Full PDB file with SEQRES, HELIX, SHEET, SSBOND, CRYST1, ORIGX, SCALE, CONECT and MASTER records, all heavy atoms in Angstrom:
SEQRES   1 A   41  LEU LEU SER ARG THR ALA VAL ASN GLY LEU VAL ASP LEU          
SEQRES   2 A   41  PRO GLU HIS LEU PRO VAL TYR ARG LEU LEU VAL PRO TRP          
SEQRES   3 A   41  LEU GLY LEU PRO SER GLY GLU VAL ALA TYR VAL ARG GLU          
SEQRES   4 A   41  LYS ARG                                                      
HELIX    1 AA1 ARG A    4  VAL A   11  1                                   8    
HELIX    2 AA2 TYR A   20  TRP A   26  1                                   7    
CRYST1    1.000    1.000    1.000  90.00  90.00  90.00 P 1           1          
ORIGX1      1.000000  0.000000  0.000000        0.00000                         
ORIGX2      0.000000  1.000000  0.000000        0.00000                         
ORIGX3      0.000000  0.000000  1.000000        0.00000                         
SCALE1      1.000000  0.000000  0.000000        0.00000                         
SCALE2      0.000000  1.000000  0.000000        0.00000                         
SCALE3      0.000000  0.000000  1.000000        0.00000                         
ATOM      1  N   LEU A   1    -142.564 127.125 -65.291  1.00  0.00           N  
ATOM      2  CA  LEU A   1    -141.161 127.342 -65.614  1.00  0.00           C  
ATOM      3  C   LEU A   1    -140.707 126.253 -66.564  1.00  0.00           C  
ATOM      4  O   LEU A   1    -140.999 125.076 -66.355  1.00  0.00           O  
ATOM      5  CB  LEU A   1    -140.315 127.332 -64.340  1.00  0.00           C  
ATOM      6  CG  LEU A   1    -138.794 127.503 -64.512  1.00  0.00           C  
ATOM      7  CD1 LEU A   1    -138.211 128.321 -63.369  1.00  0.00           C  
ATOM      8  CD2 LEU A   1    -138.088 126.132 -64.573  1.00  0.00           C  
ATOM      9  N   LEU A   2    -139.971 126.652 -67.604  1.00  0.00           N  
ATOM     10  CA  LEU A   2    -139.456 125.723 -68.606  1.00  0.00           C  
ATOM     11  C   LEU A   2    -137.953 125.910 -68.740  1.00  0.00           C  
ATOM     12  O   LEU A   2    -137.461 127.043 -68.747  1.00  0.00           O  
ATOM     13  CB  LEU A   2    -140.112 125.965 -69.964  1.00  0.00           C  
ATOM     14  CG  LEU A   2    -141.638 125.871 -70.052  1.00  0.00           C  
ATOM     15  CD1 LEU A   2    -142.117 126.370 -71.406  1.00  0.00           C  
ATOM     16  CD2 LEU A   2    -142.096 124.435 -69.829  1.00  0.00           C  
ATOM     17  N   SER A   3    -137.230 124.813 -68.868  1.00  0.00           N  
ATOM     18  CA  SER A   3    -135.809 124.906 -69.166  1.00  0.00           C  
ATOM     19  C   SER A   3    -135.629 125.191 -70.652  1.00  0.00           C  
ATOM     20  O   SER A   3    -136.579 125.090 -71.442  1.00  0.00           O  
ATOM     21  CB  SER A   3    -135.105 123.601 -68.794  1.00  0.00           C  
ATOM     22  OG  SER A   3    -135.506 122.561 -69.686  1.00  0.00           O  
ATOM     23  N   ARG A   4    -134.417 125.521 -71.043  1.00  0.00           N  
ATOM     24  CA  ARG A   4    -134.159 125.753 -72.468  1.00  0.00           C  
ATOM     25  C   ARG A   4    -134.430 124.492 -73.281  1.00  0.00           C  
ATOM     26  O   ARG A   4    -134.905 124.567 -74.411  1.00  0.00           O  
ATOM     27  CB  ARG A   4    -132.712 126.236 -72.635  1.00  0.00           C  
ATOM     28  CG  ARG A   4    -132.242 126.452 -74.076  1.00  0.00           C  
ATOM     29  CD  ARG A   4    -133.186 127.261 -74.927  1.00  0.00           C  
ATOM     30  NE  ARG A   4    -133.609 128.508 -74.312  1.00  0.00           N  
ATOM     31  CZ  ARG A   4    -134.474 129.347 -74.869  1.00  0.00           C  
ATOM     32  NH1 ARG A   4    -135.048 129.040 -76.025  1.00  0.00           N  
ATOM     33  NH2 ARG A   4    -134.825 130.462 -74.265  1.00  0.00           N  
ATOM     34  N   THR A   5    -134.158 123.325 -72.699  1.00  0.00           N  
ATOM     35  CA  THR A   5    -134.463 122.064 -73.391  1.00  0.00           C  
ATOM     36  C   THR A   5    -135.948 121.943 -73.677  1.00  0.00           C  
ATOM     37  O   THR A   5    -136.359 121.549 -74.776  1.00  0.00           O  
ATOM     38  CB  THR A   5    -133.999 120.866 -72.537  1.00  0.00           C  
ATOM     39  OG1 THR A   5    -132.587 120.938 -72.344  1.00  0.00           O  
ATOM     40  CG2 THR A   5    -134.353 119.548 -73.203  1.00  0.00           C  
ATOM     41  N   ALA A   6    -136.780 122.284 -72.692  1.00  0.00           N  
ATOM     42  CA  ALA A   6    -138.227 122.205 -72.873  1.00  0.00           C  
ATOM     43  C   ALA A   6    -138.705 123.220 -73.902  1.00  0.00           C  
ATOM     44  O   ALA A   6    -139.557 122.908 -74.749  1.00  0.00           O  
ATOM     45  CB  ALA A   6    -138.936 122.431 -71.543  1.00  0.00           C  
ATOM     46  N   VAL A   7    -138.172 124.440 -73.851  1.00  0.00           N  
ATOM     47  CA  VAL A   7    -138.580 125.469 -74.812  1.00  0.00           C  
ATOM     48  C   VAL A   7    -138.217 125.046 -76.228  1.00  0.00           C  
ATOM     49  O   VAL A   7    -139.024 125.164 -77.153  1.00  0.00           O  
ATOM     50  CB  VAL A   7    -137.929 126.821 -74.468  1.00  0.00           C  
ATOM     51  CG1 VAL A   7    -138.211 127.849 -75.567  1.00  0.00           C  
ATOM     52  CG2 VAL A   7    -138.445 127.331 -73.129  1.00  0.00           C  
ATOM     53  N   ASN A   8    -137.008 124.534 -76.413  1.00  0.00           N  
ATOM     54  CA  ASN A   8    -136.603 124.089 -77.747  1.00  0.00           C  
ATOM     55  C   ASN A   8    -137.484 122.948 -78.239  1.00  0.00           C  
ATOM     56  O   ASN A   8    -137.806 122.861 -79.432  1.00  0.00           O  
ATOM     57  CB  ASN A   8    -135.139 123.651 -77.738  1.00  0.00           C  
ATOM     58  CG  ASN A   8    -134.185 124.815 -77.545  1.00  0.00           C  
ATOM     59  OD1 ASN A   8    -134.545 125.970 -77.789  1.00  0.00           O  
ATOM     60  ND2 ASN A   8    -132.973 124.530 -77.112  1.00  0.00           N  
ATOM     61  N   GLY A   9    -137.870 122.066 -77.322  1.00  0.00           N  
ATOM     62  CA  GLY A   9    -138.768 120.981 -77.701  1.00  0.00           C  
ATOM     63  C   GLY A   9    -140.116 121.496 -78.172  1.00  0.00           C  
ATOM     64  O   GLY A   9    -140.685 120.995 -79.155  1.00  0.00           O  
ATOM     65  N   LEU A  10    -140.652 122.517 -77.502  1.00  0.00           N  
ATOM     66  CA  LEU A  10    -141.931 123.103 -77.907  1.00  0.00           C  
ATOM     67  C   LEU A  10    -141.813 123.836 -79.237  1.00  0.00           C  
ATOM     68  O   LEU A  10    -142.706 123.755 -80.089  1.00  0.00           O  
ATOM     69  CB  LEU A  10    -142.424 124.070 -76.823  1.00  0.00           C  
ATOM     70  CG  LEU A  10    -142.848 123.436 -75.498  1.00  0.00           C  
ATOM     71  CD1 LEU A  10    -143.136 124.522 -74.464  1.00  0.00           C  
ATOM     72  CD2 LEU A  10    -144.070 122.541 -75.677  1.00  0.00           C  
ATOM     73  N   VAL A  11    -140.711 124.553 -79.429  1.00  0.00           N  
ATOM     74  CA  VAL A  11    -140.520 125.305 -80.669  1.00  0.00           C  
ATOM     75  C   VAL A  11    -140.445 124.361 -81.870  1.00  0.00           C  
ATOM     76  O   VAL A  11    -140.903 124.695 -82.968  1.00  0.00           O  
ATOM     77  CB  VAL A  11    -139.242 126.168 -80.574  1.00  0.00           C  
ATOM     78  CG1 VAL A  11    -138.873 126.756 -81.935  1.00  0.00           C  
ATOM     79  CG2 VAL A  11    -139.442 127.290 -79.558  1.00  0.00           C  
ATOM     80  N   ASP A  12    -139.890 123.179 -81.668  1.00  0.00           N  
ATOM     81  CA  ASP A  12    -139.735 122.227 -82.766  1.00  0.00           C  
ATOM     82  C   ASP A  12    -141.026 121.505 -83.133  1.00  0.00           C  
ATOM     83  O   ASP A  12    -141.080 120.833 -84.168  1.00  0.00           O  
ATOM     84  CB  ASP A  12    -138.666 121.182 -82.411  1.00  0.00           C  
ATOM     85  CG  ASP A  12    -137.265 121.780 -82.396  1.00  0.00           C  
ATOM     86  OD1 ASP A  12    -137.067 122.830 -83.040  1.00  0.00           O  
ATOM     87  OD2 ASP A  12    -136.380 121.199 -81.737  1.00  0.00           O  
ATOM     88  N   LEU A  13    -142.048 121.620 -82.305  1.00  0.00           N  
ATOM     89  CA  LEU A  13    -143.299 120.914 -82.599  1.00  0.00           C  
ATOM     90  C   LEU A  13    -144.080 121.640 -83.694  1.00  0.00           C  
ATOM     91  O   LEU A  13    -144.219 122.858 -83.657  1.00  0.00           O  
ATOM     92  CB  LEU A  13    -144.168 120.820 -81.343  1.00  0.00           C  
ATOM     93  CG  LEU A  13    -143.648 119.918 -80.222  1.00  0.00           C  
ATOM     94  CD1 LEU A  13    -144.563 120.000 -79.013  1.00  0.00           C  
ATOM     95  CD2 LEU A  13    -143.540 118.477 -80.696  1.00  0.00           C  
ATOM     96  N   PRO A  14    -144.620 120.918 -84.677  1.00  0.00           N  
ATOM     97  CA  PRO A  14    -145.364 121.553 -85.785  1.00  0.00           C  
ATOM     98  C   PRO A  14    -146.817 121.816 -85.429  1.00  0.00           C  
ATOM     99  O   PRO A  14    -147.739 121.358 -86.112  1.00  0.00           O  
ATOM    100  CB  PRO A  14    -145.238 120.523 -86.910  1.00  0.00           C  
ATOM    101  CG  PRO A  14    -145.201 119.212 -86.187  1.00  0.00           C  
ATOM    102  CD  PRO A  14    -144.473 119.470 -84.889  1.00  0.00           C  
ATOM    103  N   GLU A  15    -147.048 122.559 -84.346  1.00  0.00           N  
ATOM    104  CA  GLU A  15    -148.410 122.807 -83.883  1.00  0.00           C  
ATOM    105  C   GLU A  15    -148.943 124.115 -84.452  1.00  0.00           C  
ATOM    106  O   GLU A  15    -148.302 125.157 -84.338  1.00  0.00           O  
ATOM    107  CB  GLU A  15    -148.449 122.870 -82.354  1.00  0.00           C  
ATOM    108  CG  GLU A  15    -148.221 121.538 -81.672  1.00  0.00           C  
ATOM    109  CD  GLU A  15    -149.415 120.599 -81.809  1.00  0.00           C  
ATOM    110  OE1 GLU A  15    -150.553 121.086 -81.814  1.00  0.00           O  
ATOM    111  OE2 GLU A  15    -149.176 119.392 -81.908  1.00  0.00           O  
ATOM    112  N   HIS A  16    -150.134 124.066 -85.057  1.00  0.00           N  
ATOM    113  CA  HIS A  16    -150.785 125.270 -85.546  1.00  0.00           C  
ATOM    114  C   HIS A  16    -151.754 125.843 -84.521  1.00  0.00           C  
ATOM    115  O   HIS A  16    -152.026 127.038 -84.512  1.00  0.00           O  
ATOM    116  CB  HIS A  16    -151.530 124.983 -86.854  1.00  0.00           C  
ATOM    117  CG  HIS A  16    -150.874 125.577 -88.055  1.00  0.00           C  
ATOM    118  ND1 HIS A  16    -149.711 125.076 -88.575  1.00  0.00           N  
ATOM    119  CD2 HIS A  16    -151.189 126.652 -88.814  1.00  0.00           C  
ATOM    120  CE1 HIS A  16    -149.346 125.800 -89.628  1.00  0.00           C  
ATOM    121  NE2 HIS A  16    -150.223 126.763 -89.786  1.00  0.00           N  
ATOM    122  N   LEU A  17    -152.306 124.980 -83.679  1.00  0.00           N  
ATOM    123  CA  LEU A  17    -153.234 125.412 -82.642  1.00  0.00           C  
ATOM    124  C   LEU A  17    -152.719 124.895 -81.302  1.00  0.00           C  
ATOM    125  O   LEU A  17    -153.270 123.956 -80.729  1.00  0.00           O  
ATOM    126  CB  LEU A  17    -154.650 124.883 -82.934  1.00  0.00           C  
ATOM    127  CG  LEU A  17    -155.297 125.374 -84.234  1.00  0.00           C  
ATOM    128  CD1 LEU A  17    -156.589 124.611 -84.509  1.00  0.00           C  
ATOM    129  CD2 LEU A  17    -155.586 126.867 -84.158  1.00  0.00           C  
ATOM    130  N   PRO A  18    -151.662 125.502 -80.777  1.00  0.00           N  
ATOM    131  CA  PRO A  18    -151.039 124.962 -79.562  1.00  0.00           C  
ATOM    132  C   PRO A  18    -151.895 125.172 -78.319  1.00  0.00           C  
ATOM    133  O   PRO A  18    -152.536 126.201 -78.157  1.00  0.00           O  
ATOM    134  CB  PRO A  18    -149.731 125.755 -79.465  1.00  0.00           C  
ATOM    135  CG  PRO A  18    -150.041 127.059 -80.131  1.00  0.00           C  
ATOM    136  CD  PRO A  18    -150.994 126.729 -81.248  1.00  0.00           C  
ATOM    137  N   VAL A  19    -151.896 124.179 -77.454  1.00  0.00           N  
ATOM    138  CA  VAL A  19    -152.482 124.283 -76.116  1.00  0.00           C  
ATOM    139  C   VAL A  19    -151.382 123.823 -75.166  1.00  0.00           C  
ATOM    140  O   VAL A  19    -151.164 122.629 -74.964  1.00  0.00           O  
ATOM    141  CB  VAL A  19    -153.739 123.408 -75.964  1.00  0.00           C  
ATOM    142  CG1 VAL A  19    -154.327 123.567 -74.565  1.00  0.00           C  
ATOM    143  CG2 VAL A  19    -154.784 123.777 -77.007  1.00  0.00           C  
ATOM    144  N   TYR A  20    -150.660 124.777 -74.592  1.00  0.00           N  
ATOM    145  CA  TYR A  20    -149.423 124.451 -73.899  1.00  0.00           C  
ATOM    146  C   TYR A  20    -149.631 123.677 -72.609  1.00  0.00           C  
ATOM    147  O   TYR A  20    -148.742 122.940 -72.177  1.00  0.00           O  
ATOM    148  CB  TYR A  20    -148.627 125.727 -73.641  1.00  0.00           C  
ATOM    149  CG  TYR A  20    -147.992 126.248 -74.901  1.00  0.00           C  
ATOM    150  CD1 TYR A  20    -148.497 127.371 -75.553  1.00  0.00           C  
ATOM    151  CD2 TYR A  20    -146.910 125.593 -75.473  1.00  0.00           C  
ATOM    152  CE1 TYR A  20    -147.934 127.828 -76.734  1.00  0.00           C  
ATOM    153  CE2 TYR A  20    -146.336 126.045 -76.649  1.00  0.00           C  
ATOM    154  CZ  TYR A  20    -146.850 127.159 -77.275  1.00  0.00           C  
ATOM    155  OH  TYR A  20    -146.290 127.601 -78.449  1.00  0.00           O  
ATOM    156  N   ARG A  21    -150.778 123.813 -71.986  1.00  0.00           N  
ATOM    157  CA  ARG A  21    -151.010 123.043 -70.762  1.00  0.00           C  
ATOM    158  C   ARG A  21    -151.112 121.548 -71.066  1.00  0.00           C  
ATOM    159  O   ARG A  21    -151.044 120.730 -70.136  1.00  0.00           O  
ATOM    160  CB  ARG A  21    -152.249 123.557 -70.043  1.00  0.00           C  
ATOM    161  CG  ARG A  21    -153.552 123.422 -70.778  1.00  0.00           C  
ATOM    162  CD  ARG A  21    -154.649 124.191 -70.068  1.00  0.00           C  
ATOM    163  NE  ARG A  21    -154.408 125.631 -70.104  1.00  0.00           N  
ATOM    164  CZ  ARG A  21    -155.143 126.517 -69.429  1.00  0.00           C  
ATOM    165  NH1 ARG A  21    -156.136 126.113 -68.672  1.00  0.00           N  
ATOM    166  NH2 ARG A  21    -154.884 127.807 -69.525  1.00  0.00           N  
ATOM    167  N   LEU A  22    -151.263 121.192 -72.342  1.00  0.00           N  
ATOM    168  CA  LEU A  22    -151.256 119.786 -72.751  1.00  0.00           C  
ATOM    169  C   LEU A  22    -149.967 119.423 -73.478  1.00  0.00           C  
ATOM    170  O   LEU A  22    -149.470 118.298 -73.350  1.00  0.00           O  
ATOM    171  CB  LEU A  22    -152.457 119.498 -73.658  1.00  0.00           C  
ATOM    172  CG  LEU A  22    -153.834 119.841 -73.097  1.00  0.00           C  
ATOM    173  CD1 LEU A  22    -154.919 119.433 -74.071  1.00  0.00           C  
ATOM    174  CD2 LEU A  22    -154.061 119.175 -71.751  1.00  0.00           C  
ATOM    175  N   LEU A  23    -149.414 120.360 -74.254  1.00  0.00           N  
ATOM    176  CA  LEU A  23    -148.185 120.089 -74.988  1.00  0.00           C  
ATOM    177  C   LEU A  23    -147.002 119.868 -74.048  1.00  0.00           C  
ATOM    178  O   LEU A  23    -146.167 118.993 -74.287  1.00  0.00           O  
ATOM    179  CB  LEU A  23    -147.867 121.257 -75.924  1.00  0.00           C  
ATOM    180  CG  LEU A  23    -148.571 121.285 -77.279  1.00  0.00           C  
ATOM    181  CD1 LEU A  23    -148.191 122.544 -78.044  1.00  0.00           C  
ATOM    182  CD2 LEU A  23    -148.232 120.049 -78.097  1.00  0.00           C  
ATOM    183  N   VAL A  24    -146.916 120.665 -73.002  1.00  0.00           N  
ATOM    184  CA  VAL A  24    -145.769 120.558 -72.096  1.00  0.00           C  
ATOM    185  C   VAL A  24    -145.718 119.183 -71.421  1.00  0.00           C  
ATOM    186  O   VAL A  24    -144.663 118.528 -71.422  1.00  0.00           O  
ATOM    187  CB  VAL A  24    -145.794 121.703 -71.059  1.00  0.00           C  
ATOM    188  CG1 VAL A  24    -144.726 121.490 -70.001  1.00  0.00           C  
ATOM    189  CG2 VAL A  24    -145.584 123.047 -71.757  1.00  0.00           C  
ATOM    190  N   PRO A  25    -146.823 118.670 -70.833  1.00  0.00           N  
ATOM    191  CA  PRO A  25    -146.752 117.311 -70.272  1.00  0.00           C  
ATOM    192  C   PRO A  25    -146.469 116.251 -71.330  1.00  0.00           C  
ATOM    193  O   PRO A  25    -145.847 115.227 -71.043  1.00  0.00           O  
ATOM    194  CB  PRO A  25    -148.139 117.112 -69.643  1.00  0.00           C  
ATOM    195  CG  PRO A  25    -148.653 118.487 -69.404  1.00  0.00           C  
ATOM    196  CD  PRO A  25    -148.110 119.318 -70.516  1.00  0.00           C  
ATOM    197  N   TRP A  26    -146.933 116.499 -72.572  1.00  0.00           N  
ATOM    198  CA  TRP A  26    -146.723 115.529 -73.654  1.00  0.00           C  
ATOM    199  C   TRP A  26    -145.241 115.311 -73.928  1.00  0.00           C  
ATOM    200  O   TRP A  26    -144.831 114.214 -74.342  1.00  0.00           O  
ATOM    201  CB  TRP A  26    -147.435 116.011 -74.914  1.00  0.00           C  
ATOM    202  CG  TRP A  26    -147.286 115.090 -76.090  1.00  0.00           C  
ATOM    203  CD1 TRP A  26    -148.088 114.030 -76.420  1.00  0.00           C  
ATOM    204  CD2 TRP A  26    -146.258 115.145 -77.101  1.00  0.00           C  
ATOM    205  NE1 TRP A  26    -147.631 113.424 -77.565  1.00  0.00           N  
ATOM    206  CE2 TRP A  26    -146.500 114.088 -78.000  1.00  0.00           C  
ATOM    207  CE3 TRP A  26    -145.171 115.971 -77.315  1.00  0.00           C  
ATOM    208  CZ2 TRP A  26    -145.693 113.848 -79.107  1.00  0.00           C  
ATOM    209  CZ3 TRP A  26    -144.356 115.737 -78.420  1.00  0.00           C  
ATOM    210  CH2 TRP A  26    -144.621 114.684 -79.299  1.00  0.00           C  
ATOM    211  N   LEU A  27    -144.397 116.318 -73.691  1.00  0.00           N  
ATOM    212  CA  LEU A  27    -142.964 116.180 -73.936  1.00  0.00           C  
ATOM    213  C   LEU A  27    -142.341 115.089 -73.077  1.00  0.00           C  
ATOM    214  O   LEU A  27    -141.317 114.504 -73.444  1.00  0.00           O  
ATOM    215  CB  LEU A  27    -142.255 117.508 -73.675  1.00  0.00           C  
ATOM    216  CG  LEU A  27    -142.553 118.660 -74.643  1.00  0.00           C  
ATOM    217  CD1 LEU A  27    -141.888 119.934 -74.155  1.00  0.00           C  
ATOM    218  CD2 LEU A  27    -142.100 118.313 -76.055  1.00  0.00           C  
ATOM    219  N   GLY A  28    -142.931 114.831 -71.912  1.00  0.00           N  
ATOM    220  CA  GLY A  28    -142.425 113.771 -71.046  1.00  0.00           C  
ATOM    221  C   GLY A  28    -141.125 114.094 -70.345  1.00  0.00           C  
ATOM    222  O   GLY A  28    -140.383 113.197 -69.940  1.00  0.00           O  
ATOM    223  N   LEU A  29    -140.826 115.366 -70.160  1.00  0.00           N  
ATOM    224  CA  LEU A  29    -139.598 115.779 -69.495  1.00  0.00           C  
ATOM    225  C   LEU A  29    -139.758 115.728 -67.973  1.00  0.00           C  
ATOM    226  O   LEU A  29    -140.877 115.787 -67.464  1.00  0.00           O  
ATOM    227  CB  LEU A  29    -139.225 117.200 -69.942  1.00  0.00           C  
ATOM    228  CG  LEU A  29    -138.878 117.359 -71.427  1.00  0.00           C  
ATOM    229  CD1 LEU A  29    -138.764 118.833 -71.789  1.00  0.00           C  
ATOM    230  CD2 LEU A  29    -137.589 116.624 -71.759  1.00  0.00           C  
ATOM    231  N   PRO A  30    -138.655 115.630 -67.235  1.00  0.00           N  
ATOM    232  CA  PRO A  30    -138.742 115.647 -65.762  1.00  0.00           C  
ATOM    233  C   PRO A  30    -139.434 116.912 -65.282  1.00  0.00           C  
ATOM    234  O   PRO A  30    -139.070 118.026 -65.671  1.00  0.00           O  
ATOM    235  CB  PRO A  30    -137.269 115.620 -65.326  1.00  0.00           C  
ATOM    236  CG  PRO A  30    -136.536 115.008 -66.479  1.00  0.00           C  
ATOM    237  CD  PRO A  30    -137.270 115.446 -67.711  1.00  0.00           C  
ATOM    238  N   SER A  31    -140.452 116.751 -64.470  1.00  0.00           N  
ATOM    239  CA  SER A  31    -141.263 117.896 -64.063  1.00  0.00           C  
ATOM    240  C   SER A  31    -141.617 117.826 -62.588  1.00  0.00           C  
ATOM    241  O   SER A  31    -141.576 116.760 -61.968  1.00  0.00           O  
ATOM    242  CB  SER A  31    -142.548 117.970 -64.897  1.00  0.00           C  
ATOM    243  OG  SER A  31    -143.344 116.815 -64.696  1.00  0.00           O  
ATOM    244  N   GLY A  32    -141.966 118.976 -62.046  1.00  0.00           N  
ATOM    245  CA  GLY A  32    -142.412 119.073 -60.668  1.00  0.00           C  
ATOM    246  C   GLY A  32    -143.543 120.077 -60.565  1.00  0.00           C  
ATOM    247  O   GLY A  32    -143.964 120.668 -61.574  1.00  0.00           O  
ATOM    248  N   GLU A  33    -144.018 120.297 -59.359  1.00  0.00           N  
ATOM    249  CA  GLU A  33    -145.148 121.193 -59.144  1.00  0.00           C  
ATOM    250  C   GLU A  33    -144.892 122.094 -57.948  1.00  0.00           C  
ATOM    251  O   GLU A  33    -144.236 121.681 -56.984  1.00  0.00           O  
ATOM    252  CB  GLU A  33    -146.438 120.397 -58.914  1.00  0.00           C  
ATOM    253  CG  GLU A  33    -146.860 119.524 -60.082  1.00  0.00           C  
ATOM    254  CD  GLU A  33    -148.135 118.740 -59.782  1.00  0.00           C  
ATOM    255  OE1 GLU A  33    -148.689 118.925 -58.667  1.00  0.00           O  
ATOM    256  OE2 GLU A  33    -148.561 117.960 -60.647  1.00  0.00           O  
ATOM    257  N   VAL A  34    -145.389 123.300 -58.044  1.00  0.00           N  
ATOM    258  CA  VAL A  34    -145.381 124.242 -56.935  1.00  0.00           C  
ATOM    259  C   VAL A  34    -146.806 124.739 -56.745  1.00  0.00           C  
ATOM    260  O   VAL A  34    -147.407 125.259 -57.681  1.00  0.00           O  
ATOM    261  CB  VAL A  34    -144.434 125.430 -57.195  1.00  0.00           C  
ATOM    262  CG1 VAL A  34    -144.615 126.496 -56.131  1.00  0.00           C  
ATOM    263  CG2 VAL A  34    -142.983 124.962 -57.232  1.00  0.00           C  
ATOM    264  N   ALA A  35    -147.348 124.560 -55.550  1.00  0.00           N  
ATOM    265  CA  ALA A  35    -148.728 124.957 -55.272  1.00  0.00           C  
ATOM    266  C   ALA A  35    -148.776 126.419 -54.837  1.00  0.00           C  
ATOM    267  O   ALA A  35    -147.841 126.931 -54.215  1.00  0.00           O  
ATOM    268  CB  ALA A  35    -149.329 124.072 -54.198  1.00  0.00           C  
ATOM    269  N   TYR A  36    -149.859 127.081 -55.191  1.00  0.00           N  
ATOM    270  CA  TYR A  36    -150.046 128.470 -54.782  1.00  0.00           C  
ATOM    271  C   TYR A  36    -151.537 128.773 -54.707  1.00  0.00           C  
ATOM    272  O   TYR A  36    -152.366 128.033 -55.263  1.00  0.00           O  
ATOM    273  CB  TYR A  36    -149.356 129.430 -55.757  1.00  0.00           C  
ATOM    274  CG  TYR A  36    -149.962 129.465 -57.148  1.00  0.00           C  
ATOM    275  CD1 TYR A  36    -150.921 130.410 -57.498  1.00  0.00           C  
ATOM    276  CD2 TYR A  36    -149.573 128.547 -58.117  1.00  0.00           C  
ATOM    277  CE1 TYR A  36    -151.476 130.448 -58.764  1.00  0.00           C  
ATOM    278  CE2 TYR A  36    -150.124 128.573 -59.382  1.00  0.00           C  
ATOM    279  CZ  TYR A  36    -151.065 129.520 -59.702  1.00  0.00           C  
ATOM    280  OH  TYR A  36    -151.618 129.543 -60.968  1.00  0.00           O  
ATOM    281  N   VAL A  37    -151.859 129.850 -54.040  1.00  0.00           N  
ATOM    282  CA  VAL A  37    -153.246 130.292 -53.907  1.00  0.00           C  
ATOM    283  C   VAL A  37    -153.536 131.293 -55.014  1.00  0.00           C  
ATOM    284  O   VAL A  37    -152.839 132.299 -55.146  1.00  0.00           O  
ATOM    285  CB  VAL A  37    -153.495 130.936 -52.533  1.00  0.00           C  
ATOM    286  CG1 VAL A  37    -154.926 131.466 -52.439  1.00  0.00           C  
ATOM    287  CG2 VAL A  37    -153.225 129.928 -51.421  1.00  0.00           C  
ATOM    288  N   ARG A  38    -154.531 131.016 -55.800  1.00  0.00           N  
ATOM    289  CA  ARG A  38    -154.893 131.902 -56.899  1.00  0.00           C  
ATOM    290  C   ARG A  38    -155.562 133.154 -56.342  1.00  0.00           C  
ATOM    291  O   ARG A  38    -156.494 133.070 -55.543  1.00  0.00           O  
ATOM    292  CB  ARG A  38    -155.830 131.187 -57.867  1.00  0.00           C  
ATOM    293  CG  ARG A  38    -156.141 131.979 -59.140  1.00  0.00           C  
ATOM    294  CD  ARG A  38    -156.762 131.044 -60.156  1.00  0.00           C  
ATOM    295  NE  ARG A  38    -157.295 131.723 -61.325  1.00  0.00           N  
ATOM    296  CZ  ARG A  38    -156.573 132.087 -62.372  1.00  0.00           C  
ATOM    297  NH1 ARG A  38    -155.271 131.839 -62.382  1.00  0.00           N  
ATOM    298  NH2 ARG A  38    -157.120 132.673 -63.411  1.00  0.00           N  
ATOM    299  N   GLU A  39    -155.090 134.301 -56.797  1.00  0.00           N  
ATOM    300  CA  GLU A  39    -155.591 135.569 -56.288  1.00  0.00           C  
ATOM    301  C   GLU A  39    -156.640 136.164 -57.227  1.00  0.00           C  
ATOM    302  O   GLU A  39    -156.846 135.680 -58.347  1.00  0.00           O  
ATOM    303  CB  GLU A  39    -154.414 136.547 -56.123  1.00  0.00           C  
ATOM    304  CG  GLU A  39    -153.329 136.036 -55.185  1.00  0.00           C  
ATOM    305  CD  GLU A  39    -152.164 137.001 -55.078  1.00  0.00           C  
ATOM    306  OE1 GLU A  39    -152.275 138.138 -55.592  1.00  0.00           O  
ATOM    307  OE2 GLU A  39    -151.135 136.625 -54.494  1.00  0.00           O  
ATOM    308  N   LYS A  40    -157.273 137.220 -56.774  1.00  0.00           N  
ATOM    309  CA  LYS A  40    -158.220 137.926 -57.629  1.00  0.00           C  
ATOM    310  C   LYS A  40    -157.463 138.765 -58.645  1.00  0.00           C  
ATOM    311  O   LYS A  40    -156.324 139.175 -58.409  1.00  0.00           O  
ATOM    312  CB  LYS A  40    -159.129 138.826 -56.785  1.00  0.00           C  
ATOM    313  CG  LYS A  40    -160.094 138.076 -55.891  1.00  0.00           C  
ATOM    314  CD  LYS A  40    -161.029 139.036 -55.167  1.00  0.00           C  
ATOM    315  CE  LYS A  40    -162.036 138.288 -54.306  1.00  0.00           C  
ATOM    316  NZ  LYS A  40    -162.953 139.213 -53.590  1.00  0.00           N  
ATOM    317  N   ARG A  41    -158.110 138.999 -59.770  1.00  0.00           N  
ATOM    318  CA  ARG A  41    -157.499 139.866 -60.783  1.00  0.00           C  
ATOM    319  C   ARG A  41    -157.264 141.242 -60.176  1.00  0.00           C  
ATOM    320  O   ARG A  41    -158.162 141.821 -59.564  1.00  0.00           O  
ATOM    321  CB  ARG A  41    -158.422 139.951 -62.003  1.00  0.00           C  
ATOM    322  CG  ARG A  41    -158.055 141.002 -63.005  1.00  0.00           C  
ATOM    323  CD  ARG A  41    -158.955 140.957 -64.220  1.00  0.00           C  
ATOM    324  NE  ARG A  41    -158.348 140.173 -65.279  1.00  0.00           N  
ATOM    325  CZ  ARG A  41    -157.488 140.642 -66.161  1.00  0.00           C  
ATOM    326  NH1 ARG A  41    -157.103 141.906 -66.081  1.00  0.00           N  
ATOM    327  NH2 ARG A  41    -156.992 139.888 -67.114  1.00  0.00           N  
TER     328      ARG A  41                                                      
MASTER        0    0    0    2    0    0    0    6  327    1    0    4          
END                                                                             
């Protein structure tokens, strides 16, 4: 989940080959975690 602030921050980045699982933590915004059990496809 991303707030509008986080989305705008990502949109402003000049990334040609984005990897969001790394870009999002790079923003350094307040973040939390929710654990879940991964299901089968």
